[in-house]
PDB file of N, CA and C in Angstrom:
ATOM      1  N   SER A   1      11.051  17.602  22.404  1.00  0.00           N
ATOM      2  CA  SER A   1      10.449  18.917  22.260  1.00  0.00           C
ATOM      3  C   SER A   1      10.488  19.338  20.658  1.00  0.00           C
ATOM      4  N   LEU A   2       9.804  20.207  20.336  1.00  0.00           N
ATOM      5  CA  LEU A   2       9.679  20.735  18.962  1.00  0.00           C
ATOM      6  C   LEU A   2       9.936  22.208  18.889  1.00  0.00           C
ATOM      7  N   GLY A   3      10.832  22.500  17.954  1.00  0.00           N
ATOM      8  CA  GLY A   3      11.067  23.939  17.742  1.00  0.00           C
ATOM      9  C   GLY A   3      10.777  24.300  16.277  1.00  0.00           C
ATOM     10  N   ILE A   4      10.289  25.634  15.978  1.00  0.00           N
ATOM     11  CA  ILE A   4      10.068  25.954  14.633  1.00  0.00           C
ATOM     12  C   ILE A   4      10.746  27.308  14.565  1.00  0.00           C
ATOM     13  N   PHE A   5      11.522  27.371  13.704  1.00  0.00           N
ATOM     14  CA  PHE A   5      12.310  28.579  13.570  1.00  0.00           C
ATOM     15  C   PHE A   5      12.916  28.920  12.164  1.00  0.00           C
ATOM     16  N   ASN A   6      13.230  30.176  11.821  1.00  0.00           N
ATOM     17  CA  ASN A   6      13.907  30.498  10.687  1.00  0.00           C
ATOM     18  C   ASN A   6      15.281  31.025  11.111  1.00  0.00           C
ATOM     19  N   PRO A   7      16.268  30.200  11.040  1.00  0.00           N
ATOM     20  CA  PRO A   7      17.664  30.500  11.599  1.00  0.00           C
ATOM     21  C   PRO A   7      18.171  31.778  11.160  1.00  0.00           C
ATOM     22  N   ASP A   8      17.787  32.226   9.973  1.00  0.00           N
ATOM     23  CA  ASP A   8      18.358  33.516   9.415  1.00  0.00           C
ATOM     24  C   ASP A   8      17.188  34.184   8.884  1.00  0.00           C
ATOM     25  N   ARG A   9      16.716  35.452   9.438  1.00  0.00           N
ATOM     26  CA  ARG A   9      15.570  36.082   9.075  1.00  0.00           C
ATOM     27  C   ARG A   9      15.671  36.474   7.546  1.00  0.00           C
ATOM     28  N   GLU A  10      16.796  36.608   6.993  1.00  0.00           N
ATOM     29  CA  GLU A  10      16.964  36.765   5.570  1.00  0.00           C
ATOM     30  C   GLU A  10      16.684  35.667   4.683  1.00  0.00           C
ATOM     31  N   SER A  11      16.797  34.502   5.187  1.00  0.00           N
ATOM     32  CA  SER A  11      16.648  33.096   4.627  1.00  0.00           C
ATOM     33  C   SER A  11      15.270  32.904   4.102  1.00  0.00           C
ATOM     34  N   ASP A  12      15.119  32.153   3.258  1.00  0.00           N
ATOM     35  CA  ASP A  12      13.819  31.744   2.637  1.00  0.00           C
ATOM     36  C   ASP A  12      13.467  30.332   3.090  1.00  0.00           C
ATOM     37  N   MET A  13      14.039  29.819   4.263  1.00  0.00           N
ATOM     38  CA  MET A  13      13.881  28.603   4.782  1.00  0.00           C
ATOM     39  C   MET A  13      13.259  28.548   6.141  1.00  0.00           C
ATOM     40  N   LEU A  14      12.342  27.547   6.277  1.00  0.00           N
ATOM     41  CA  LEU A  14      11.819  27.293   7.637  1.00  0.00           C
ATOM     42  C   LEU A  14      12.315  25.976   8.102  1.00  0.00           C
ATOM     43  N   VAL A  15      12.735  25.879   9.331  1.00  0.00           N
ATOM     44  CA  VAL A  15      13.297  24.708   9.801  1.00  0.00           C
ATOM     45  C   VAL A  15      12.483  24.179  11.106  1.00  0.00           C
ATOM     46  N   LEU A  16      12.010  22.954  10.966  1.00  0.00           N
ATOM     47  CA  LEU A  16      11.202  22.293  12.155  1.00  0.00           C
ATOM     48  C   LEU A  16      12.256  21.253  12.742  1.00  0.00           C
ATOM     49  N   SER A  17      12.532  21.509  14.101  1.00  0.00           N
ATOM     50  CA  SER A  17      13.525  20.628  14.783  1.00  0.00           C
ATOM     51  C   SER A  17      12.655  19.964  15.862  1.00  0.00           C
ATOM     52  N   VAL A  18      13.076  18.633  15.954  1.00  0.00           N
ATOM     53  CA  VAL A  18      12.492  17.743  17.058  1.00  0.00           C
ATOM     54  C   VAL A  18      13.711  17.229  17.833  1.00  0.00           C
ATOM     55  N   LEU A  19      13.737  17.471  19.097  1.00  0.00           N
ATOM     56  CA  LEU A  19      14.683  16.919  19.921  1.00  0.00           C
ATOM     57  C   LEU A  19      14.237  15.662  20.654  1.00  0.00           C
ATOM     58  N   ASP A  20      15.004  14.649  20.612  1.00  0.00           N
ATOM     59  CA  ASP A  20      14.688  13.259  21.143  1.00  0.00           C
ATOM     60  C   ASP A  20      15.721  12.942  22.086  1.00  0.00           C
ATOM     61  N   ASN A  21      15.547  12.928  23.366  1.00  0.00           N
ATOM     62  CA  ASN A  21      16.645  12.588  24.305  1.00  0.00           C
ATOM     63  C   ASN A  21      16.620  11.131  24.621  1.00  0.00           C
ATOM     64  N   GLY A  22      16.365  10.411  23.655  1.00  0.00           N
ATOM     65  CA  GLY A  22      16.369   8.854  23.909  1.00  0.00           C
ATOM     66  C   GLY A  22      17.815   8.366  23.902  1.00  0.00           C
ATOM     67  N   VAL A  23      17.895   7.176  23.197  1.00  0.00           N
ATOM     68  CA  VAL A  23      19.274   6.489  23.331  1.00  0.00           C
ATOM     69  C   VAL A  23      20.194   6.938  22.193  1.00  0.00           C
ATOM     70  N   GLY A  24      19.625   7.751  21.340  1.00  0.00           N
ATOM     71  CA  GLY A  24      20.486   8.255  20.170  1.00  0.00           C
ATOM     72  C   GLY A  24      20.570   7.177  19.081  1.00  0.00           C
ATOM     73  N   VAL A  25      21.178   7.446  18.029  1.00  0.00           N
ATOM     74  CA  VAL A  25      21.336   6.478  16.925  1.00  0.00           C
ATOM     75  C   VAL A  25      22.812   6.429  16.564  1.00  0.00           C
ATOM     76  N   ARG A  26      23.226   5.192  16.436  1.00  0.00           N
ATOM     77  CA  ARG A  26      24.671   4.786  16.172  1.00  0.00           C
ATOM     78  C   ARG A  26      24.902   5.151  14.639  1.00  0.00           C
ATOM     79  N   GLU A  27      25.961   5.609  14.249  1.00  0.00           N
ATOM     80  CA  GLU A  27      26.354   5.879  12.925  1.00  0.00           C
ATOM     81  C   GLU A  27      25.995   4.778  11.984  1.00  0.00           C
ATOM     82  N   ASP A  28      26.251   3.501  12.422  1.00  0.00           N
ATOM     83  CA  ASP A  28      25.965   2.530  11.329  1.00  0.00           C
ATOM     84  C   ASP A  28      24.435   2.084  11.306  1.00  0.00           C
ATOM     85  N   ASP A  29      23.657   2.645  12.094  1.00  0.00           N
ATOM     86  CA  ASP A  29      22.274   2.446  12.068  1.00  0.00           C
ATOM     87  C   ASP A  29      21.411   3.619  11.330  1.00  0.00           C
ATOM     88  N   LYS A  30      22.072   4.611  10.982  1.00  0.00           N
ATOM     89  CA  LYS A  30      21.461   5.843  10.417  1.00  0.00           C
ATOM     90  C   LYS A  30      20.734   5.479   9.191  1.00  0.00           C
ATOM     91  N   GLN A  31      21.275   4.654   8.312  1.00  0.00           N
ATOM     92  CA  GLN A  31      20.724   4.338   6.996  1.00  0.00           C
ATOM     93  C   GLN A  31      19.490   3.518   7.187  1.00  0.00           C
ATOM     94  N   ASN A  32      19.227   2.868   8.228  1.00  0.00           N
ATOM     95  CA  ASN A  32      18.048   2.026   8.427  1.00  0.00           C
ATOM     96  C   ASN A  32      16.908   2.887   9.037  1.00  0.00           C
ATOM     97  N   LEU A  33      17.134   4.083   9.650  1.00  0.00           N
ATOM     98  CA  LEU A  33      16.309   4.754  10.405  1.00  0.00           C
ATOM     99  C   LEU A  33      15.055   5.244   9.475  1.00  0.00           C
ATOM    100  N   PHE A  34      15.282   5.590   8.212  1.00  0.00           N
ATOM    101  CA  PHE A  34      14.298   6.135   7.396  1.00  0.00           C
ATOM    102  C   PHE A  34      13.686   5.086   6.475  1.00  0.00           C
ATOM    103  N   LYS A  35      13.991   3.823   6.699  1.00  0.00           N
ATOM    104  CA  LYS A  35      13.508   2.737   5.796  1.00  0.00           C
ATOM    105  C   LYS A  35      12.219   2.271   6.387  1.00  0.00           C
ATOM    106  N   LEU A  36      11.360   1.805   5.552  1.00  0.00           N
ATOM    107  CA  LEU A  36      10.056   1.216   5.989  1.00  0.00           C
ATOM    108  C   LEU A  36      10.388   0.017   6.728  1.00  0.00           C
ATOM    109  N   PHE A  37       9.850  -0.041   7.987  1.00  0.00           N
ATOM    110  CA  PHE A  37       9.924  -1.089   8.993  1.00  0.00           C
ATOM    111  C   PHE A  37      11.434  -1.323   9.165  1.00  0.00           C
ATOM    112  N   GLY A  38      12.227  -0.309   9.228  1.00  0.00           N
ATOM    113  CA  GLY A  38      13.716  -0.456   9.626  1.00  0.00           C
ATOM    114  C   GLY A  38      13.948  -0.823  11.030  1.00  0.00           C
ATOM    115  N   CYS A  39      14.957  -1.549  11.195  1.00  0.00           N
ATOM    116  CA  CYS A  39      15.237  -2.001  12.607  1.00  0.00           C
ATOM    117  C   CYS A  39      16.669  -1.673  12.810  1.00  0.00           C
ATOM    118  N   LEU A  40      16.959  -1.063  14.004  1.00  0.00           N
ATOM    119  CA  LEU A  40      18.144  -0.730  14.484  1.00  0.00           C
ATOM    120  C   LEU A  40      18.823  -1.685  15.451  1.00  0.00           C
ATOM    121  N   LYS A  41      20.221  -1.805  15.411  1.00  0.00           N
ATOM    122  CA  LYS A  41      20.916  -2.705  16.354  1.00  0.00           C
ATOM    123  C   LYS A  41      20.401  -2.510  17.820  1.00  0.00           C
ATOM    124  N   THR A  42      20.338  -1.169  18.071  1.00  0.00           N
ATOM    125  CA  THR A  42      19.939  -0.783  19.380  1.00  0.00           C
ATOM    126  C   THR A  42      18.571  -1.321  19.864  1.00  0.00           C
ATOM    127  N   THR A  43      17.572  -1.128  18.871  1.00  0.00           N
ATOM    128  CA  THR A  43      16.252  -1.630  19.167  1.00  0.00           C
ATOM    129  C   THR A  43      16.171  -3.119  19.194  1.00  0.00           C
ATOM    130  N   ARG A  44      16.915  -3.803  18.390  1.00  0.00           N
ATOM    131  CA  ARG A  44      16.930  -5.235  18.460  1.00  0.00           C
ATOM    132  C   ARG A  44      17.396  -5.761  19.807  1.00  0.00           C
ATOM    133  N   LYS A  45      18.331  -5.190  20.293  1.00  0.00           N
ATOM    134  CA  LYS A  45      18.895  -5.531  21.782  1.00  0.00           C
ATOM    135  C   LYS A  45      17.725  -5.217  22.853  1.00  0.00           C
ATOM    136  N   MET A  46      16.833  -4.188  22.515  1.00  0.00           N
ATOM    137  CA  MET A  46      15.821  -3.963  23.538  1.00  0.00           C
ATOM    138  C   MET A  46      14.587  -4.687  23.315  1.00  0.00           C
ATOM    139  N   ASN A  47      14.532  -5.716  22.379  1.00  0.00           N
ATOM    140  CA  ASN A  47      13.426  -6.399  22.060  1.00  0.00           C
ATOM    141  C   ASN A  47      12.261  -5.667  21.603  1.00  0.00           C
ATOM    142  N   THR A  48      12.510  -4.637  20.879  1.00  0.00           N
ATOM    143  CA  THR A  48      11.379  -3.877  20.178  1.00  0.00           C
ATOM    144  C   THR A  48      11.343  -4.323  18.714  1.00  0.00           C
ATOM    145  N   ARG A  49      10.153  -4.114  18.120  1.00  0.00           N
ATOM    146  CA  ARG A  49       9.986  -4.464  16.681  1.00  0.00           C
ATOM    147  C   ARG A  49      10.651  -3.693  15.625  1.00  0.00           C
ATOM    148  N   GLY A  50      10.933  -2.369  15.953  1.00  0.00           N
ATOM    149  CA  GLY A  50      11.564  -1.542  14.941  1.00  0.00           C
ATOM    150  C   GLY A  50      11.305  -0.073  15.237  1.00  0.00           C
ATOM    151  N   VAL A  51      11.720   0.776  14.253  1.00  0.00           N
ATOM    152  CA  VAL A  51      11.491   2.134  14.459  1.00  0.00           C
ATOM    153  C   VAL A  51      10.103   2.769  14.128  1.00  0.00           C
ATOM    154  N   GLY A  52       9.270   1.888  13.464  1.00  0.00           N
ATOM    155  CA  GLY A  52       8.015   2.349  13.147  1.00  0.00           C
ATOM    156  C   GLY A  52       7.900   3.120  11.807  1.00  0.00           C
ATOM    157  N   LEU A  53       6.764   3.774  11.698  1.00  0.00           N
ATOM    158  CA  LEU A  53       6.552   4.456  10.336  1.00  0.00           C
ATOM    159  C   LEU A  53       6.632   5.892  10.429  1.00  0.00           C
ATOM    160  N   GLY A  54       6.644   6.509  11.561  1.00  0.00           N
ATOM    161  CA  GLY A  54       6.639   7.891  11.693  1.00  0.00           C
ATOM    162  C   GLY A  54       7.751   8.655  10.898  1.00  0.00           C
ATOM    163  N   LEU A  55       8.915   8.129  11.016  1.00  0.00           N
ATOM    164  CA  LEU A  55      10.058   8.878  10.374  1.00  0.00           C
ATOM    165  C   LEU A  55       9.999   8.677   8.915  1.00  0.00           C
ATOM    166  N   VAL A  56       9.533   7.549   8.414  1.00  0.00           N
ATOM    167  CA  VAL A  56       9.461   7.280   7.047  1.00  0.00           C
ATOM    168  C   VAL A  56       8.450   8.103   6.391  1.00  0.00           C
ATOM    169  N   ILE A  57       7.205   8.323   7.041  1.00  0.00           N
ATOM    170  CA  ILE A  57       6.246   9.130   6.674  1.00  0.00           C
ATOM    171  C   ILE A  57       6.601  10.666   6.620  1.00  0.00           C
ATOM    172  N   SER A  58       7.205  11.058   7.724  1.00  0.00           N
ATOM    173  CA  SER A  58       7.669  12.453   7.854  1.00  0.00           C
ATOM    174  C   SER A  58       8.677  12.882   6.682  1.00  0.00           C
ATOM    175  N   LYS A  59       9.576  11.907   6.429  1.00  0.00           N
ATOM    176  CA  LYS A  59      10.516  12.091   5.273  1.00  0.00           C
ATOM    177  C   LYS A  59       9.813  12.256   3.991  1.00  0.00           C
ATOM    178  N   MET A  60       8.859  11.214   3.649  1.00  0.00           N
ATOM    179  CA  MET A  60       8.122  11.267   2.442  1.00  0.00           C
ATOM    180  C   MET A  60       7.329  12.632   2.312  1.00  0.00           C
ATOM    181  N   ILE A  61       6.687  13.073   3.298  1.00  0.00           N
ATOM    182  CA  ILE A  61       5.968  14.399   3.256  1.00  0.00           C
ATOM    183  C   ILE A  61       6.840  15.562   3.082  1.00  0.00           C
ATOM    184  N   THR A  62       7.902  15.537   3.779  1.00  0.00           N
ATOM    185  CA  THR A  62       8.849  16.749   3.787  1.00  0.00           C
ATOM    186  C   THR A  62       9.451  16.761   2.336  1.00  0.00           C
ATOM    187  N   GLU A  63       9.891  15.607   1.754  1.00  0.00           N
ATOM    188  CA  GLU A  63      10.318  15.617   0.376  1.00  0.00           C
ATOM    189  C   GLU A  63       9.426  15.929  -0.705  1.00  0.00           C
ATOM    190  N   GLU A  64       8.103  15.560  -0.421  1.00  0.00           N
ATOM    191  CA  GLU A  64       6.918  15.876  -1.326  1.00  0.00           C
ATOM    192  C   GLU A  64       6.735  17.397  -1.622  1.00  0.00           C
ATOM    193  N   PHE A  65       7.096  18.025  -0.374  1.00  0.00           N
ATOM    194  CA  PHE A  65       7.033  19.559  -0.402  1.00  0.00           C
ATOM    195  C   PHE A  65       8.340  20.181  -0.878  1.00  0.00           C
ATOM    196  N   GLY A  66       9.305  19.396  -1.360  1.00  0.00           N
ATOM    197  CA  GLY A  66      10.520  19.988  -1.700  1.00  0.00           C
ATOM    198  C   GLY A  66      11.536  20.263  -0.555  1.00  0.00           C
ATOM    199  N   GLY A  67      11.248  19.735   0.592  1.00  0.00           N
ATOM    200  CA  GLY A  67      12.234  19.924   1.756  1.00  0.00           C
ATOM    201  C   GLY A  67      13.179  18.829   1.957  1.00  0.00           C
ATOM    202  N   GLN A  68      13.961  18.878   2.983  1.00  0.00           N
ATOM    203  CA  GLN A  68      14.980  18.029   3.258  1.00  0.00           C
ATOM    204  C   GLN A  68      14.943  17.636   4.770  1.00  0.00           C
ATOM    205  N   VAL A  69      15.301  16.320   5.011  1.00  0.00           N
ATOM    206  CA  VAL A  69      15.318  15.826   6.501  1.00  0.00           C
ATOM    207  C   VAL A  69      16.745  15.590   6.767  1.00  0.00           C
ATOM    208  N   ARG A  70      17.110  16.043   7.997  1.00  0.00           N
ATOM    209  CA  ARG A  70      18.502  15.863   8.506  1.00  0.00           C
ATOM    210  C   ARG A  70      18.390  15.237   9.818  1.00  0.00           C
ATOM    211  N   LEU A  71      19.405  14.449  10.204  1.00  0.00           N
ATOM    212  CA  LEU A  71      19.502  13.813  11.547  1.00  0.00           C
ATOM    213  C   LEU A  71      20.960  14.159  12.057  1.00  0.00           C
ATOM    214  N   PHE A  72      20.915  14.546  13.339  1.00  0.00           N
ATOM    215  CA  PHE A  72      22.082  14.769  14.060  1.00  0.00           C
ATOM    216  C   PHE A  72      21.951  13.976  15.297  1.00  0.00           C
ATOM    217  N   SER A  73      22.857  13.029  15.561  1.00  0.00           N
ATOM    218  CA  SER A  73      22.675  12.142  16.681  1.00  0.00           C
ATOM    219  C   SER A  73      23.926  11.608  17.330  1.00  0.00           C
ATOM    220  N   LEU A  74      23.910  11.405  18.538  1.00  0.00           N
ATOM    221  CA  LEU A  74      25.076  10.727  19.317  1.00  0.00           C
ATOM    222  C   LEU A  74      24.449   9.588  20.029  1.00  0.00           C
ATOM    223  N   ALA A  75      25.096   8.444  19.790  1.00  0.00           N
ATOM    224  CA  ALA A  75      24.618   7.200  20.591  1.00  0.00           C
ATOM    225  C   ALA A  75      24.655   7.490  22.072  1.00  0.00           C
ATOM    226  N   LYS A  76      23.739   7.038  22.793  1.00  0.00           N
ATOM    227  CA  LYS A  76      23.563   7.142  24.172  1.00  0.00           C
ATOM    228  C   LYS A  76      23.294   8.566  24.741  1.00  0.00           C
ATOM    229  N   VAL A  77      23.148   9.572  23.811  1.00  0.00           N
ATOM    230  CA  VAL A  77      23.009  10.877  24.150  1.00  0.00           C
ATOM    231  C   VAL A  77      21.658  11.404  23.669  1.00  0.00           C
ATOM    232  N   GLY A  78      21.184  11.288  22.364  1.00  0.00           N
ATOM    233  CA  GLY A  78      20.013  11.709  21.858  1.00  0.00           C
ATOM    234  C   GLY A  78      20.172  12.155  20.405  1.00  0.00           C
ATOM    235  N   SER A  79      19.013  12.673  19.849  1.00  0.00           N
ATOM    236  CA  SER A  79      19.087  13.073  18.415  1.00  0.00           C
ATOM    237  C   SER A  79      18.316  14.287  18.268  1.00  0.00           C
ATOM    238  N   ILE A  80      18.546  14.965  17.008  1.00  0.00           N
ATOM    239  CA  ILE A  80      17.798  16.063  16.654  1.00  0.00           C
ATOM    240  C   ILE A  80      17.377  15.819  15.281  1.00  0.00           C
ATOM    241  N   PHE A  81      16.107  15.785  14.941  1.00  0.00           N
ATOM    242  CA  PHE A  81      15.631  15.499  13.547  1.00  0.00           C
ATOM    243  C   PHE A  81      15.172  16.952  12.993  1.00  0.00           C
ATOM    244  N   GLN A  82      15.590  17.223  11.799  1.00  0.00           N
ATOM    245  CA  GLN A  82      15.245  18.542  11.248  1.00  0.00           C
ATOM    246  C   GLN A  82      14.644  18.315   9.928  1.00  0.00           C
ATOM    247  N   SER A  83      13.415  19.003   9.668  1.00  0.00           N
ATOM    248  CA  SER A  83      12.882  19.120   8.286  1.00  0.00           C
ATOM    249  C   SER A  83      12.915  20.565   8.047  1.00  0.00           C
ATOM    250  N   SER A  84      13.488  20.855   6.778  1.00  0.00           N
ATOM    251  CA  SER A  84      13.593  22.230   6.319  1.00  0.00           C
ATOM    252  C   SER A  84      12.795  22.363   4.995  1.00  0.00           C
ATOM    253  N   PHE A  85      12.063  23.591   4.917  1.00  0.00           N
ATOM    254  CA  PHE A  85      11.272  23.787   3.781  1.00  0.00           C
ATOM    255  C   PHE A  85      11.550  25.173   3.304  1.00  0.00           C
ATOM    256  N   LYS A  86      11.408  25.403   1.982  1.00  0.00           N
ATOM    257  CA  LYS A  86      11.492  26.609   1.263  1.00  0.00           C
ATOM    258  C   LYS A  86      10.174  27.434   1.493  1.00  0.00           C
ATOM    259  N   LEU A  87      10.278  28.733   1.839  1.00  0.00           N
ATOM    260  CA  LEU A  87       9.077  29.470   2.082  1.00  0.00           C
ATOM    261  C   LEU A  87       8.624  30.225   0.931  1.00  0.00           C
ATOM    262  N   LEU A  88       7.327  30.492   0.724  1.00  0.00           N
ATOM    263  CA  LEU A  88       6.903  31.372  -0.359  1.00  0.00           C
ATOM    264  C   LEU A  88       6.842  32.866   0.134  1.00  0.00           C
ATOM    265  N   GLU A  89       6.984  33.690  -0.727  1.00  0.00           N
ATOM    266  CA  GLU A  89       6.888  35.148  -0.498  1.00  0.00           C
ATOM    267  C   GLU A  89       5.439  35.434  -0.116  1.00  0.00           C
ATOM    268  N   PRO A  90       5.280  36.371   0.946  1.00  0.00           N
ATOM    269  CA  PRO A  90       3.958  36.586   1.387  1.00  0.00           C
ATOM    270  C   PRO A  90       2.941  37.043   0.261  1.00  0.00           C
ATOM    271  N   GLU A  91       3.481  37.706  -0.720  1.00  0.00           N
ATOM    272  CA  GLU A  91       2.483  38.185  -1.785  1.00  0.00           C
ATOM    273  C   GLU A  91       2.038  36.861  -2.679  1.00  0.00           C
ATOM    274  N   ALA A  92       2.786  35.800  -2.601  1.00  0.00           N
ATOM    275  CA  ALA A  92       2.460  34.650  -3.321  1.00  0.00           C
ATOM    276  C   ALA A  92       1.396  33.887  -2.622  1.00  0.00           C
ATOM    277  N   MET A  93       1.068  34.142  -1.463  1.00  0.00           N
ATOM    278  CA  MET A  93       0.089  33.406  -0.654  1.00  0.00           C
ATOM    279  C   MET A  93      -1.373  33.873  -1.032  1.00  0.00           C
ATOM    280  N   PRO A  94      -2.310  32.913  -0.946  1.00  0.00           N
ATOM    281  CA  PRO A  94      -3.589  33.157  -1.303  1.00  0.00           C
ATOM    282  C   PRO A  94      -4.299  34.162  -0.243  1.00  0.00           C
ATOM    283  N   PRO A  95      -5.174  35.012  -0.732  1.00  0.00           N
ATOM    284  CA  PRO A  95      -5.724  35.962   0.223  1.00  0.00           C
ATOM    285  C   PRO A  95      -6.574  35.263   1.427  1.00  0.00           C
ATOM    286  N   ARG A  96      -6.497  35.903   2.443  1.00  0.00           N
ATOM    287  CA  ARG A  96      -7.309  35.307   3.673  1.00  0.00           C
ATOM    288  C   ARG A  96      -8.587  35.996   3.894  1.00  0.00           C
ATOM    289  N   ALA A  97      -9.588  35.299   4.126  1.00  0.00           N
ATOM    290  CA  ALA A  97     -10.940  35.824   4.437  1.00  0.00           C
ATOM    291  C   ALA A  97     -10.860  36.655   5.762  1.00  0.00           C
ATOM    292  N   ALA A  98     -11.528  37.847   5.771  1.00  0.00           N
ATOM    293  CA  ALA A  98     -11.659  38.559   7.086  1.00  0.00           C
ATOM    294  C   ALA A  98     -12.413  37.746   8.066  1.00  0.00           C
ATOM    295  N   PRO A  99     -11.978  37.792   9.309  1.00  0.00           N
ATOM    296  CA  PRO A  99     -12.789  37.097  10.319  1.00  0.00           C
ATOM    297  C   PRO A  99     -14.190  37.896  10.560  1.00  0.00           C
ATOM    298  N   GLY A 100     -15.081  37.071  10.973  1.00  0.00           N
ATOM    299  CA  GLY A 100     -16.360  37.764  11.349  1.00  0.00           C
ATOM    300  C   GLY A 100     -16.260  38.373  12.633  1.00  0.00           C
ATOM    301  N   PRO A 101     -17.255  39.258  13.000  1.00  0.00           N
ATOM    302  CA  PRO A 101     -17.254  39.941  14.270  1.00  0.00           C
ATOM    303  C   PRO A 101     -17.181  39.178  15.549  1.00  0.00           C
ATOM    304  N   GLU A 102     -17.711  37.820  15.438  1.00  0.00           N
ATOM    305  CA  GLU A 102     -17.782  36.975  16.642  1.00  0.00           C
ATOM    306  C   GLU A 102     -16.408  36.295  16.704  1.00  0.00           C
ATOM    307  N   ALA A 103     -15.466  36.336  15.835  1.00  0.00           N
ATOM    308  CA  ALA A 103     -14.107  35.663  15.888  1.00  0.00           C
ATOM    309  C   ALA A 103     -13.227  36.377  16.952  1.00  0.00           C
ATOM    310  N   SER A 104     -12.539  35.495  17.665  1.00  0.00           N
ATOM    311  CA  SER A 104     -11.535  36.006  18.590  1.00  0.00           C
ATOM    312  C   SER A 104     -10.588  34.845  18.893  1.00  0.00           C
ATOM    313  N   SER A 105      -9.393  35.229  19.460  1.00  0.00           N
ATOM    314  CA  SER A 105      -8.469  34.199  19.604  1.00  0.00           C
ATOM    315  C   SER A 105      -7.607  34.682  20.768  1.00  0.00           C
ATOM    316  N   ALA A 106      -6.667  33.791  21.171  1.00  0.00           N
ATOM    317  CA  ALA A 106      -5.764  34.130  22.386  1.00  0.00           C
ATOM    318  C   ALA A 106      -4.914  35.241  22.065  1.00  0.00           C
ATOM    319  N   LEU A 107      -4.756  35.531  20.721  1.00  0.00           N
ATOM    320  CA  LEU A 107      -3.814  36.642  20.295  1.00  0.00           C
ATOM    321  C   LEU A 107      -4.608  37.992  20.216  1.00  0.00           C
ATOM    322  N   GLY A 108      -5.856  37.974  20.309  1.00  0.00           N
ATOM    323  CA  GLY A 108      -6.544  39.182  20.159  1.00  0.00           C
ATOM    324  C   GLY A 108      -7.927  39.061  19.505  1.00  0.00           C
ATOM    325  N   PRO A 109      -8.787  40.074  19.718  1.00  0.00           N
ATOM    326  CA  PRO A 109     -10.156  39.903  19.186  1.00  0.00           C
ATOM    327  C   PRO A 109     -10.116  40.000  17.691  1.00  0.00           C
ATOM    328  N   ALA A 110     -11.062  39.127  16.911  1.00  0.00           N
ATOM    329  CA  ALA A 110     -11.216  39.160  15.443  1.00  0.00           C
ATOM    330  C   ALA A 110      -9.942  39.130  14.695  1.00  0.00           C
ATOM    331  N   GLY A 111      -8.972  38.303  15.253  1.00  0.00           N
ATOM    332  CA  GLY A 111      -7.769  38.024  14.495  1.00  0.00           C
ATOM    333  C   GLY A 111      -6.698  39.094  14.619  1.00  0.00           C
ATOM    334  N   GLU A 112      -6.895  40.031  15.552  1.00  0.00           N
ATOM    335  CA  GLU A 112      -6.017  41.100  15.591  1.00  0.00           C
ATOM    336  C   GLU A 112      -4.624  40.633  16.001  1.00  0.00           C
ATOM    337  N   GLY A 113      -3.628  41.036  15.271  1.00  0.00           N
ATOM    338  CA  GLY A 113      -2.102  40.519  15.578  1.00  0.00           C
ATOM    339  C   GLY A 113      -1.974  39.173  14.959  1.00  0.00           C
ATOM    340  N   VAL A 114      -2.879  38.516  14.161  1.00  0.00           N
ATOM    341  CA  VAL A 114      -2.746  37.269  13.700  1.00  0.00           C
ATOM    342  C   VAL A 114      -2.684  37.374  12.214  1.00  0.00           C
ATOM    343  N   ASP A 115      -1.620  36.887  11.584  1.00  0.00           N
ATOM    344  CA  ASP A 115      -1.394  36.882  10.147  1.00  0.00           C
ATOM    345  C   ASP A 115      -0.374  35.866   9.781  1.00  0.00           C
ATOM    346  N   TYR A 116      -0.349  35.438   8.518  1.00  0.00           N
ATOM    347  CA  TYR A 116       0.650  34.506   8.097  1.00  0.00           C
ATOM    348  C   TYR A 116       2.091  35.068   8.147  1.00  0.00           C
ATOM    349  N   LEU A 117       2.869  34.300   8.615  1.00  0.00           N
ATOM    350  CA  LEU A 117       4.228  34.620   8.677  1.00  0.00           C
ATOM    351  C   LEU A 117       4.955  34.052   7.377  1.00  0.00           C
ATOM    352  N   ALA A 118       4.513  32.884   6.972  1.00  0.00           N
ATOM    353  CA  ALA A 118       5.090  32.177   5.893  1.00  0.00           C
ATOM    354  C   ALA A 118       4.116  31.078   5.599  1.00  0.00           C
ATOM    355  N   LYS A 119       4.347  30.554   4.452  1.00  0.00           N
ATOM    356  CA  LYS A 119       3.584  29.282   3.993  1.00  0.00           C
ATOM    357  C   LYS A 119       4.497  28.319   3.410  1.00  0.00           C
ATOM    358  N   ILE A 120       4.493  27.079   3.695  1.00  0.00           N
ATOM    359  CA  ILE A 120       5.391  26.012   3.204  1.00  0.00           C
ATOM    360  C   ILE A 120       5.094  25.823   1.834  1.00  0.00           C
ATOM    361  N   GLN A 121       6.029  25.795   0.876  1.00  0.00           N
ATOM    362  CA  GLN A 121       5.804  25.556  -0.513  1.00  0.00           C
ATOM    363  C   GLN A 121       5.680  24.086  -0.796  1.00  0.00           C
TER     364      GLN A 121
END
């Protein structure tokens, strides 16, 4: 599951959390998880090729935007992966074009009730 939240409304951070209820990550495997073509002891026993590129790419993108990736995991229980980003102030965001009369969304006609909450820096 994916959660997007600002843990403290006064904070200037946005946190994206992904809950993985798989096998979890052992403490001695955590350093290999974000390596290109990393292989964990757990995955070797399961005859899989490795952890893939998704976590490596996610970490690279997060860090490129000045963010940080964190991992909370318990072996045989699951993991939570978090990417946190510093938010820009609303006045620092580029102006948005007004929607045309034909525009509508699930949140209301012509963008009513739809606005930027924040922008990732």
